[in-house]
Amino acid sequence: MKIDINSDMGEGFGVYQLCDDAALMKRVSSANIACGFHAGDPAIMTRMVRLAKAHGVGIGAHPGFPDRQGFGRKALPFSADEICQQVIYQLGALRAIAQVEGTRVAHVSFHAAMGTMINRDAALASQVMQAIARIDPMLIIFSQPDTLIERAAAAAGLPAMTLFLADRAYDANGGLVPRGVAGAVITGEQAVRARVRQFLQHGTVTTLEGELLPIRARSILIHSDTPGSVELAGVVRSEIDANGDCIAPAADVLAQ
C-alpha cells in the first residue's frame, strides 16, 4: 500500500529558519509550504518549491492567518469572506511560483487557527472549498478524517487526503490534545515509532486517556516545529518500509 509522509515546511522568514528544511525535504513525500502569512516569504517559498521539485515531493499550499508573532495559532476575528480571500491569496501566490518553476501545486493543508476555524463552521468550510474548486478542481485537501473540512471538500468535488498526526496526542473524541497540555506534543523517537507501527498494522492510535481510537488515514504528518522533526520523519519512513508499504506523494496515493 502507498502511504504519504507530509510536513509543514518553509515556516521561517528572512534569515530565520524553523528547521532544516533541506534535510526534511529528503524524508517526506508531500510538503505543505507556508505562503507568507503566518510564515514564509517569496524567497523561501521559491526555495521550497525548487527543493520539492528536485526530490519528487508533492507541493502543497499551507495557508494561515497573517500572524507571524503568534505563528498563526491565534483565533483572529476575520469574517468568512476575509478568510476565504486569505486562502485564495496565499494559494495563488504559491501557484504562481510553482508555475514559473515548471511544476504545480497539488494540495492544500490549512495551518493551525485558520484550519480550526474553517473546521468549526460548515458554511465557511463550504465557501472555502468552493473557491478552491474554482481555482483547480484537482487540488487535494488535507484534513483529519470525519471532519467538516473533509465533508465540504467532497461536496465541492475536491479529493481529500486524511491524516494521522504522528507527533500529536489524540483525546478520546478523536480531537488533538491542546498544545499546552502535558504530553500533547510527542517528541520521543521510540514513542513516535510505536505510534506509527500501531497505525500501520492496526489502524488505531492510543489516546491520552489510554483508549484505542480507529484512525482512517493515508498520510502521516510530522510537524517541522516538533523538536527533532528531521529524525522523526526518518523514523516514520523506516516504519513504513518495515511494514512493506511504499512512500509516495498524496496524488500517487489517491491514484492507487
C-alpha atoms as a PDB file:
ATOM      1  CA  MET A   1       0.000   0.000   0.000  1.00  0.00           C
ATOM      2  CA  LYS A   2       1.157   3.542  -0.741  1.00  0.00           C
ATOM      3  CA  ILE A   3       1.485   5.936   2.209  1.00  0.00           C
ATOM      4  CA  ASP A   4       2.266   9.650   2.113  1.00  0.00           C
ATOM      5  CA  ILE A   5       4.512  11.465   4.620  1.00  0.00           C
ATOM      6  CA  ASN A   6       3.854  15.173   4.857  1.00  0.00           C
ATOM      7  CA  SER A   7       5.279  18.065   6.816  1.00  0.00           C
ATOM      8  CA  ASP A   8       4.728  21.817   7.107  1.00  0.00           C
ATOM      9  CA  MET A   9       7.755  23.494   5.537  1.00  0.00           C
ATOM     10  CA  GLY A  10       9.320  26.868   4.844  1.00  0.00           C
ATOM     11  CA  GLU A  11       7.980  28.229   8.128  1.00  0.00           C
ATOM     12  CA  GLY A  12      10.605  30.910   8.579  1.00  0.00           C
ATOM     13  CA  PHE A  13      11.097  34.377   7.143  1.00  0.00           C
ATOM     14  CA  GLY A  14      14.113  36.356   6.013  1.00  0.00           C
ATOM     15  CA  VAL A  15      17.223  34.857   7.594  1.00  0.00           C
ATOM     16  CA  TYR A  16      15.214  32.916  10.190  1.00  0.00           C
ATOM     17  CA  GLN A  17      14.583  29.205   9.670  1.00  0.00           C
ATOM     18  CA  LEU A  18      12.426  26.941  11.816  1.00  0.00           C
ATOM     19  CA  CYS A  19      14.099  23.636  10.945  1.00  0.00           C
ATOM     20  CA  ASP A  20      16.469  22.117   8.400  1.00  0.00           C
ATOM     21  CA  ASP A  21      14.008  22.213   5.508  1.00  0.00           C
ATOM     22  CA  ALA A  22      16.521  20.829   3.011  1.00  0.00           C
ATOM     23  CA  ALA A  23      17.139  17.749   5.159  1.00  0.00           C
ATOM     24  CA  LEU A  24      13.457  17.289   5.937  1.00  0.00           C
ATOM     25  CA  MET A  25      12.534  17.527   2.250  1.00  0.00           C
ATOM     26  CA  LYS A  26      14.574  14.348   1.644  1.00  0.00           C
ATOM     27  CA  ARG A  27      12.391  12.406   4.091  1.00  0.00           C
ATOM     28  CA  VAL A  28       8.853  13.454   3.159  1.00  0.00           C
ATOM     29  CA  SER A  29       6.745  12.840   0.080  1.00  0.00           C
ATOM     30  CA  SER A  30       4.463  15.908   0.398  1.00  0.00           C
ATOM     31  CA  ALA A  31       5.474  19.410   1.548  1.00  0.00           C
ATOM     32  CA  ASN A  32       2.958  21.910   2.942  1.00  0.00           C
ATOM     33  CA  ILE A  33       4.645  25.214   2.117  1.00  0.00           C
ATOM     34  CA  ALA A  34       3.920  28.311   4.203  1.00  0.00           C
ATOM     35  CA  CYS A  35       2.606  31.032   1.895  1.00  0.00           C
ATOM     36  CA  GLY A  36       3.786  34.252   3.513  1.00  0.00           C
ATOM     37  CA  PHE A  37       1.179  34.998   6.182  1.00  0.00           C
ATOM     38  CA  HIS A  38       1.973  33.060   9.381  1.00  0.00           C
ATOM     39  CA  ALA A  39       5.443  32.332   7.969  1.00  0.00           C
ATOM     40  CA  GLY A  40       7.347  32.203   4.709  1.00  0.00           C
ATOM     41  CA  ASP A  41       8.216  34.813   2.129  1.00  0.00           C
ATOM     42  CA  PRO A  42       8.762  34.813  -1.659  1.00  0.00           C
ATOM     43  CA  ALA A  43      12.385  33.692  -1.429  1.00  0.00           C
ATOM     44  CA  ILE A  44      11.627  30.868   0.999  1.00  0.00           C
ATOM     45  CA  MET A  45       8.584  29.759  -0.992  1.00  0.00           C
ATOM     46  CA  THR A  46      10.658  29.616  -4.175  1.00  0.00           C
ATOM     47  CA  ARG A  47      13.396  27.655  -2.416  1.00  0.00           C
ATOM     48  CA  MET A  48      10.861  25.155  -1.054  1.00  0.00           C
ATOM     49  CA  VAL A  49       9.274  24.674  -4.485  1.00  0.00           C
ATOM     50  CA  ARG A  50      12.674  24.075  -6.055  1.00  0.00           C
ATOM     51  CA  LEU A  51      13.652  21.596  -3.337  1.00  0.00           C
ATOM     52  CA  ALA A  52      10.351  19.740  -3.651  1.00  0.00           C
ATOM     53  CA  LYS A  53      10.660  19.529  -7.415  1.00  0.00           C
ATOM     54  CA  ALA A  54      14.249  18.257  -7.159  1.00  0.00           C
ATOM     55  CA  HIS A  55      13.248  15.484  -4.734  1.00  0.00           C
ATOM     56  CA  GLY A  56       9.957  14.475  -6.384  1.00  0.00           C
ATOM     57  CA  VAL A  57       7.947  15.747  -3.415  1.00  0.00           C
ATOM     58  CA  GLY A  58       4.325  16.840  -3.832  1.00  0.00           C
ATOM     59  CA  ILE A  59       3.854  20.592  -3.410  1.00  0.00           C
ATOM     60  CA  GLY A  60       1.075  21.918  -1.195  1.00  0.00           C
ATOM     61  CA  ALA A  61      -0.101  25.338  -0.055  1.00  0.00           C
ATOM     62  CA  HIS A  62      -0.147  25.828   3.717  1.00  0.00           C
ATOM     63  CA  PRO A  63      -2.259  28.967   4.214  1.00  0.00           C
ATOM     64  CA  GLY A  64      -2.602  30.518   7.648  1.00  0.00           C
ATOM     65  CA  PHE A  65      -3.594  33.760   9.332  1.00  0.00           C
ATOM     66  CA  PRO A  66      -1.412  36.897   8.968  1.00  0.00           C
ATOM     67  CA  ASP A  67       0.032  36.395  12.442  1.00  0.00           C
ATOM     68  CA  ARG A  68       3.806  35.959  12.493  1.00  0.00           C
ATOM     69  CA  GLN A  69       4.091  36.806  16.183  1.00  0.00           C
ATOM     70  CA  GLY A  70       1.597  34.108  17.146  1.00  0.00           C
ATOM     71  CA  PHE A  71       2.730  31.714  14.393  1.00  0.00           C
ATOM     72  CA  GLY A  72      -0.825  31.545  13.071  1.00  0.00           C
ATOM     73  CA  ARG A  73      -2.067  29.840  16.208  1.00  0.00           C
ATOM     74  CA  LYS A  74      -4.308  32.647  17.490  1.00  0.00           C
ATOM     75  CA  ALA A  75      -8.009  32.653  16.612  1.00  0.00           C
ATOM     76  CA  LEU A  76      -8.467  36.044  14.933  1.00  0.00           C
ATOM     77  CA  PRO A  77     -11.840  37.732  14.282  1.00  0.00           C
ATOM     78  CA  PHE A  78     -11.876  37.568  10.492  1.00  0.00           C
ATOM     79  CA  SER A  79     -15.141  37.282   8.607  1.00  0.00           C
ATOM     80  CA  ALA A  80     -15.875  34.263   6.442  1.00  0.00           C
ATOM     81  CA  ASP A  81     -15.252  36.324   3.317  1.00  0.00           C
ATOM     82  CA  GLU A  82     -11.920  37.567   4.668  1.00  0.00           C
ATOM     83  CA  ILE A  83     -10.761  34.028   5.473  1.00  0.00           C
ATOM     84  CA  CYS A  84     -11.775  32.881   2.017  1.00  0.00           C
ATOM     85  CA  GLN A  85      -9.842  35.780   0.453  1.00  0.00           C
ATOM     86  CA  GLN A  86      -6.761  34.928   2.516  1.00  0.00           C
ATOM     87  CA  VAL A  87      -6.837  31.314   1.345  1.00  0.00           C
ATOM     88  CA  ILE A  88      -7.205  32.361  -2.295  1.00  0.00           C
ATOM     89  CA  TYR A  89      -4.401  34.930  -2.000  1.00  0.00           C
ATOM     90  CA  GLN A  90      -1.905  32.523  -0.471  1.00  0.00           C
ATOM     91  CA  LEU A  91      -2.787  29.654  -2.791  1.00  0.00           C
ATOM     92  CA  GLY A  92      -2.478  31.965  -5.788  1.00  0.00           C
ATOM     93  CA  ALA A  93       0.971  33.158  -4.723  1.00  0.00           C
ATOM     94  CA  LEU A  94       2.350  29.637  -4.389  1.00  0.00           C
ATOM     95  CA  ARG A  95       0.718  28.522  -7.656  1.00  0.00           C
ATOM     96  CA  ALA A  96       2.434  31.395  -9.493  1.00  0.00           C
ATOM     97  CA  ILE A  97       5.843  30.464  -8.073  1.00  0.00           C
ATOM     98  CA  ALA A  98       5.312  26.790  -8.897  1.00  0.00           C
ATOM     99  CA  GLN A  99       4.278  27.625 -12.460  1.00  0.00           C
ATOM    100  CA  VAL A 100       7.423  29.709 -13.035  1.00  0.00           C
ATOM    101  CA  GLU A 101       9.497  26.794 -11.686  1.00  0.00           C
ATOM    102  CA  GLY A 102       7.839  24.361 -14.106  1.00  0.00           C
ATOM    103  CA  THR A 103       5.733  22.462 -11.574  1.00  0.00           C
ATOM    104  CA  ARG A 104       2.345  22.711  -9.866  1.00  0.00           C
ATOM    105  CA  VAL A 105       0.631  22.883  -6.500  1.00  0.00           C
ATOM    106  CA  ALA A 106      -1.057  19.547  -5.832  1.00  0.00           C
ATOM    107  CA  HIS A 107      -2.716  20.022  -2.440  1.00  0.00           C
ATOM    108  CA  VAL A 108      -3.846  22.402   0.288  1.00  0.00           C
ATOM    109  CA  SER A 109      -3.264  21.921   4.022  1.00  0.00           C
ATOM    110  CA  PHE A 110      -4.639  24.589   6.347  1.00  0.00           C
ATOM    111  CA  HIS A 111      -2.454  25.880   9.162  1.00  0.00           C
ATOM    112  CA  ALA A 112      -3.351  25.947  12.860  1.00  0.00           C
ATOM    113  CA  ALA A 113      -6.047  28.501  13.817  1.00  0.00           C
ATOM    114  CA  MET A 114      -7.203  29.011  10.245  1.00  0.00           C
ATOM    115  CA  GLY A 115      -7.837  25.289   9.851  1.00  0.00           C
ATOM    116  CA  THR A 116      -9.562  25.110  13.227  1.00  0.00           C
ATOM    117  CA  MET A 117     -11.934  27.962  12.348  1.00  0.00           C
ATOM    118  CA  ILE A 118     -12.771  26.502   8.947  1.00  0.00           C
ATOM    119  CA  ASN A 119     -13.397  23.120  10.546  1.00  0.00           C
ATOM    120  CA  ARG A 120     -15.854  24.564  13.081  1.00  0.00           C
ATOM    121  CA  ASP A 121     -18.123  26.341  10.585  1.00  0.00           C
ATOM    122  CA  ALA A 122     -19.886  24.314   7.900  1.00  0.00           C
ATOM    123  CA  ALA A 123     -20.841  27.394   5.888  1.00  0.00           C
ATOM    124  CA  LEU A 124     -17.279  28.730   5.966  1.00  0.00           C
ATOM    125  CA  ALA A 125     -15.839  25.330   5.047  1.00  0.00           C
ATOM    126  CA  SER A 126     -18.215  25.134   2.090  1.00  0.00           C
ATOM    127  CA  GLN A 127     -17.330  28.658   0.930  1.00  0.00           C
ATOM    128  CA  VAL A 128     -13.594  27.979   1.106  1.00  0.00           C
ATOM    129  CA  MET A 129     -13.827  24.624  -0.682  1.00  0.00           C
ATOM    130  CA  GLN A 130     -15.987  26.027  -3.460  1.00  0.00           C
ATOM    131  CA  ALA A 131     -13.437  28.798  -4.025  1.00  0.00           C
ATOM    132  CA  ILE A 132     -10.570  26.297  -4.142  1.00  0.00           C
ATOM    133  CA  ALA A 133     -12.516  24.103  -6.565  1.00  0.00           C
ATOM    134  CA  ARG A 134     -12.974  27.069  -8.909  1.00  0.00           C
ATOM    135  CA  ILE A 135      -9.210  27.604  -8.900  1.00  0.00           C
ATOM    136  CA  ASP A 136      -8.345  23.946  -9.523  1.00  0.00           C
ATOM    137  CA  PRO A 137     -10.795  21.065  -9.005  1.00  0.00           C
ATOM    138  CA  MET A 138      -7.882  18.615  -8.830  1.00  0.00           C
ATOM    139  CA  LEU A 139      -6.386  20.136  -5.674  1.00  0.00           C
ATOM    140  CA  ILE A 140      -6.248  17.605  -2.839  1.00  0.00           C
ATOM    141  CA  ILE A 141      -7.494  18.822   0.549  1.00  0.00           C
ATOM    142  CA  PHE A 142      -5.547  17.532   3.549  1.00  0.00           C
ATOM    143  CA  SER A 143      -7.660  17.038   6.659  1.00  0.00           C
ATOM    144  CA  GLN A 144      -8.225  14.825   9.609  1.00  0.00           C
ATOM    145  CA  PRO A 145     -10.875  12.134   8.981  1.00  0.00           C
ATOM    146  CA  ASP A 146     -14.585  12.670   9.628  1.00  0.00           C
ATOM    147  CA  THR A 147     -14.366  16.459   9.774  1.00  0.00           C
ATOM    148  CA  LEU A 148     -16.279  19.383   8.297  1.00  0.00           C
ATOM    149  CA  ILE A 149     -13.302  20.080   6.049  1.00  0.00           C
ATOM    150  CA  GLU A 150     -13.347  16.566   4.607  1.00  0.00           C
ATOM    151  CA  ARG A 151     -17.106  16.675   4.052  1.00  0.00           C
ATOM    152  CA  ALA A 152     -17.012  20.157   2.500  1.00  0.00           C
ATOM    153  CA  ALA A 153     -14.222  19.081   0.151  1.00  0.00           C
ATOM    154  CA  ALA A 154     -16.259  16.101  -1.011  1.00  0.00           C
ATOM    155  CA  ALA A 155     -19.326  18.294  -1.536  1.00  0.00           C
ATOM    156  CA  ALA A 156     -17.256  20.662  -3.680  1.00  0.00           C
ATOM    157  CA  GLY A 157     -15.895  17.766  -5.743  1.00  0.00           C
ATOM    158  CA  LEU A 158     -12.377  18.048  -4.345  1.00  0.00           C
ATOM    159  CA  PRO A 159     -10.331  14.947  -3.472  1.00  0.00           C
ATOM    160  CA  ALA A 160      -9.359  14.632   0.184  1.00  0.00           C
ATOM    161  CA  MET A 161      -6.345  13.083   1.890  1.00  0.00           C
ATOM    162  CA  THR A 162      -6.915  12.153   5.524  1.00  0.00           C
ATOM    163  CA  LEU A 163      -4.112  12.477   8.046  1.00  0.00           C
ATOM    164  CA  PHE A 164      -2.603  10.701  11.019  1.00  0.00           C
ATOM    165  CA  LEU A 165      -0.559  13.045  13.212  1.00  0.00           C
ATOM    166  CA  ALA A 166       2.373  11.032  14.474  1.00  0.00           C
ATOM    167  CA  ASP A 167       3.681  13.724  16.814  1.00  0.00           C
ATOM    168  CA  ARG A 168       0.453  14.917  18.429  1.00  0.00           C
ATOM    169  CA  ALA A 169      -1.658  13.236  21.124  1.00  0.00           C
ATOM    170  CA  TYR A 170      -5.324  12.461  20.480  1.00  0.00           C
ATOM    171  CA  ASP A 171      -8.145  12.629  23.002  1.00  0.00           C
ATOM    172  CA  ALA A 172     -10.948  10.090  23.384  1.00  0.00           C
ATOM    173  CA  ASN A 173     -13.161  12.034  20.936  1.00  0.00           C
ATOM    174  CA  GLY A 174     -10.553  11.935  18.171  1.00  0.00           C
ATOM    175  CA  GLY A 175      -9.501  15.555  18.638  1.00  0.00           C
ATOM    176  CA  LEU A 176      -5.976  16.797  19.158  1.00  0.00           C
ATOM    177  CA  VAL A 177      -4.915  17.444  22.733  1.00  0.00           C
ATOM    178  CA  PRO A 178      -4.199  21.207  23.100  1.00  0.00           C
ATOM    179  CA  ARG A 179      -0.507  22.050  22.893  1.00  0.00           C
ATOM    180  CA  GLY A 180      -0.487  23.493  26.416  1.00  0.00           C
ATOM    181  CA  VAL A 181      -1.393  20.124  27.952  1.00  0.00           C
ATOM    182  CA  ALA A 182       1.430  17.856  29.104  1.00  0.00           C
ATOM    183  CA  GLY A 183       2.039  15.096  26.565  1.00  0.00           C
ATOM    184  CA  ALA A 184       0.257  16.891  23.712  1.00  0.00           C
ATOM    185  CA  VAL A 185       3.379  17.036  21.547  1.00  0.00           C
ATOM    186  CA  ILE A 186       5.237  13.753  21.144  1.00  0.00           C
ATOM    187  CA  THR A 187       8.966  14.115  20.538  1.00  0.00           C
ATOM    188  CA  GLY A 188      10.452  10.794  21.622  1.00  0.00           C
ATOM    189  CA  GLU A 189      11.756   8.592  18.814  1.00  0.00           C
ATOM    190  CA  GLN A 190      10.508   5.353  20.369  1.00  0.00           C
ATOM    191  CA  ALA A 191       7.095   6.823  21.116  1.00  0.00           C
ATOM    192  CA  VAL A 192       6.670   8.031  17.531  1.00  0.00           C
ATOM    193  CA  ARG A 193       7.937   4.704  16.188  1.00  0.00           C
ATOM    194  CA  ALA A 194       5.421   2.768  18.275  1.00  0.00           C
ATOM    195  CA  ARG A 195       2.546   5.050  17.239  1.00  0.00           C
ATOM    196  CA  VAL A 196       3.358   4.744  13.542  1.00  0.00           C
ATOM    197  CA  ARG A 197       3.710   0.958  13.788  1.00  0.00           C
ATOM    198  CA  GLN A 198       0.368   0.706  15.576  1.00  0.00           C
ATOM    199  CA  PHE A 199      -1.301   2.898  12.962  1.00  0.00           C
ATOM    200  CA  LEU A 200       0.144   0.930  10.030  1.00  0.00           C
ATOM    201  CA  GLN A 201      -0.575  -2.512  11.460  1.00  0.00           C
ATOM    202  CA  HIS A 202      -3.868  -1.932  13.257  1.00  0.00           C
ATOM    203  CA  GLY A 203      -5.265   1.395  12.015  1.00  0.00           C
ATOM    204  CA  THR A 204      -5.508   2.736  15.569  1.00  0.00           C
ATOM    205  CA  VAL A 205      -3.856   5.165  17.950  1.00  0.00           C
ATOM    206  CA  THR A 206      -3.807   5.072  21.733  1.00  0.00           C
ATOM    207  CA  THR A 207      -5.374   8.238  23.138  1.00  0.00           C
ATOM    208  CA  LEU A 208      -4.008  10.292  26.004  1.00  0.00           C
ATOM    209  CA  GLU A 209      -6.610   8.549  28.189  1.00  0.00           C
ATOM    210  CA  GLY A 210      -5.264   5.133  27.143  1.00  0.00           C
ATOM    211  CA  GLU A 211      -8.146   4.147  24.834  1.00  0.00           C
ATOM    212  CA  LEU A 212      -7.800   2.674  21.338  1.00  0.00           C
ATOM    213  CA  LEU A 213      -9.097   5.032  18.644  1.00  0.00           C
ATOM    214  CA  PRO A 214      -9.571   3.963  14.986  1.00  0.00           C
ATOM    215  CA  ILE A 215      -7.761   6.240  12.516  1.00  0.00           C
ATOM    216  CA  ARG A 216      -8.712   6.339   8.832  1.00  0.00           C
ATOM    217  CA  ALA A 217      -5.769   7.958   7.075  1.00  0.00           C
ATOM    218  CA  ARG A 218      -3.350   7.586   4.152  1.00  0.00           C
ATOM    219  CA  SER A 219      -0.872  10.307   5.065  1.00  0.00           C
ATOM    220  CA  ILE A 220       1.309  10.690   8.166  1.00  0.00           C
ATOM    221  CA  LEU A 221       2.122  14.196   9.368  1.00  0.00           C
ATOM    222  CA  ILE A 222       5.248  15.271  11.223  1.00  0.00           C
ATOM    223  CA  HIS A 223       5.283  18.960  12.190  1.00  0.00           C
ATOM    224  CA  SER A 224       8.536  20.677  11.240  1.00  0.00           C
ATOM    225  CA  ASP A 225       8.498  22.638  14.519  1.00  0.00           C
ATOM    226  CA  THR A 226       8.411  19.464  16.617  1.00  0.00           C
ATOM    227  CA  PRO A 227      11.879  19.064  18.186  1.00  0.00           C
ATOM    228  CA  GLY A 228      13.890  16.538  16.176  1.00  0.00           C
ATOM    229  CA  SER A 229      11.436  16.623  13.245  1.00  0.00           C
ATOM    230  CA  VAL A 230      14.033  15.549  10.677  1.00  0.00           C
ATOM    231  CA  GLU A 231      14.970  12.487  12.709  1.00  0.00           C
ATOM    232  CA  LEU A 232      11.316  11.711  13.456  1.00  0.00           C
ATOM    233  CA  ALA A 233      10.474  11.841   9.742  1.00  0.00           C
ATOM    234  CA  GLY A 234      13.232   9.284   9.244  1.00  0.00           C
ATOM    235  CA  VAL A 235      11.597   7.100  11.898  1.00  0.00           C
ATOM    236  CA  VAL A 236       8.288   7.289  10.043  1.00  0.00           C
ATOM    237  CA  ARG A 237       9.978   6.291   6.783  1.00  0.00           C
ATOM    238  CA  SER A 238      11.711   3.334   8.399  1.00  0.00           C
ATOM    239  CA  GLU A 239       8.450   2.039   9.896  1.00  0.00           C
ATOM    240  CA  ILE A 240       6.640   2.336   6.563  1.00  0.00           C
ATOM    241  CA  ASP A 241       9.460   0.414   4.866  1.00  0.00           C
ATOM    242  CA  ALA A 242       9.479  -2.216   7.613  1.00  0.00           C
ATOM    243  CA  ASN A 243       5.735  -2.710   7.159  1.00  0.00           C
ATOM    244  CA  GLY A 244       6.225  -3.406   3.444  1.00  0.00           C
ATOM    245  CA  ASP A 245       4.436  -0.251   2.330  1.00  0.00           C
ATOM    246  CA  CYS A 246       5.532   2.277  -0.282  1.00  0.00           C
ATOM    247  CA  ILE A 247       6.091   6.000   0.347  1.00  0.00           C
ATOM    248  CA  ALA A 248       4.527   8.244  -2.286  1.00  0.00           C
ATOM    249  CA  PRO A 249       3.155  11.785  -2.724  1.00  0.00           C
ATOM    250  CA  ALA A 250      -0.528  12.332  -1.980  1.00  0.00           C
ATOM    251  CA  ALA A 251      -1.563  12.403  -5.646  1.00  0.00           C
ATOM    252  CA  ASP A 252       0.047   8.999  -6.238  1.00  0.00           C
ATOM    253  CA  VAL A 253      -1.556   7.575  -3.087  1.00  0.00           C
ATOM    254  CA  LEU A 254      -5.031   8.630  -4.210  1.00  0.00           C
ATOM    255  CA  ALA A 255      -4.401   7.302  -7.716  1.00  0.00           C
ATOM    256  CA  GLN A 256      -3.691   3.823  -6.321  1.00  0.00           C
END
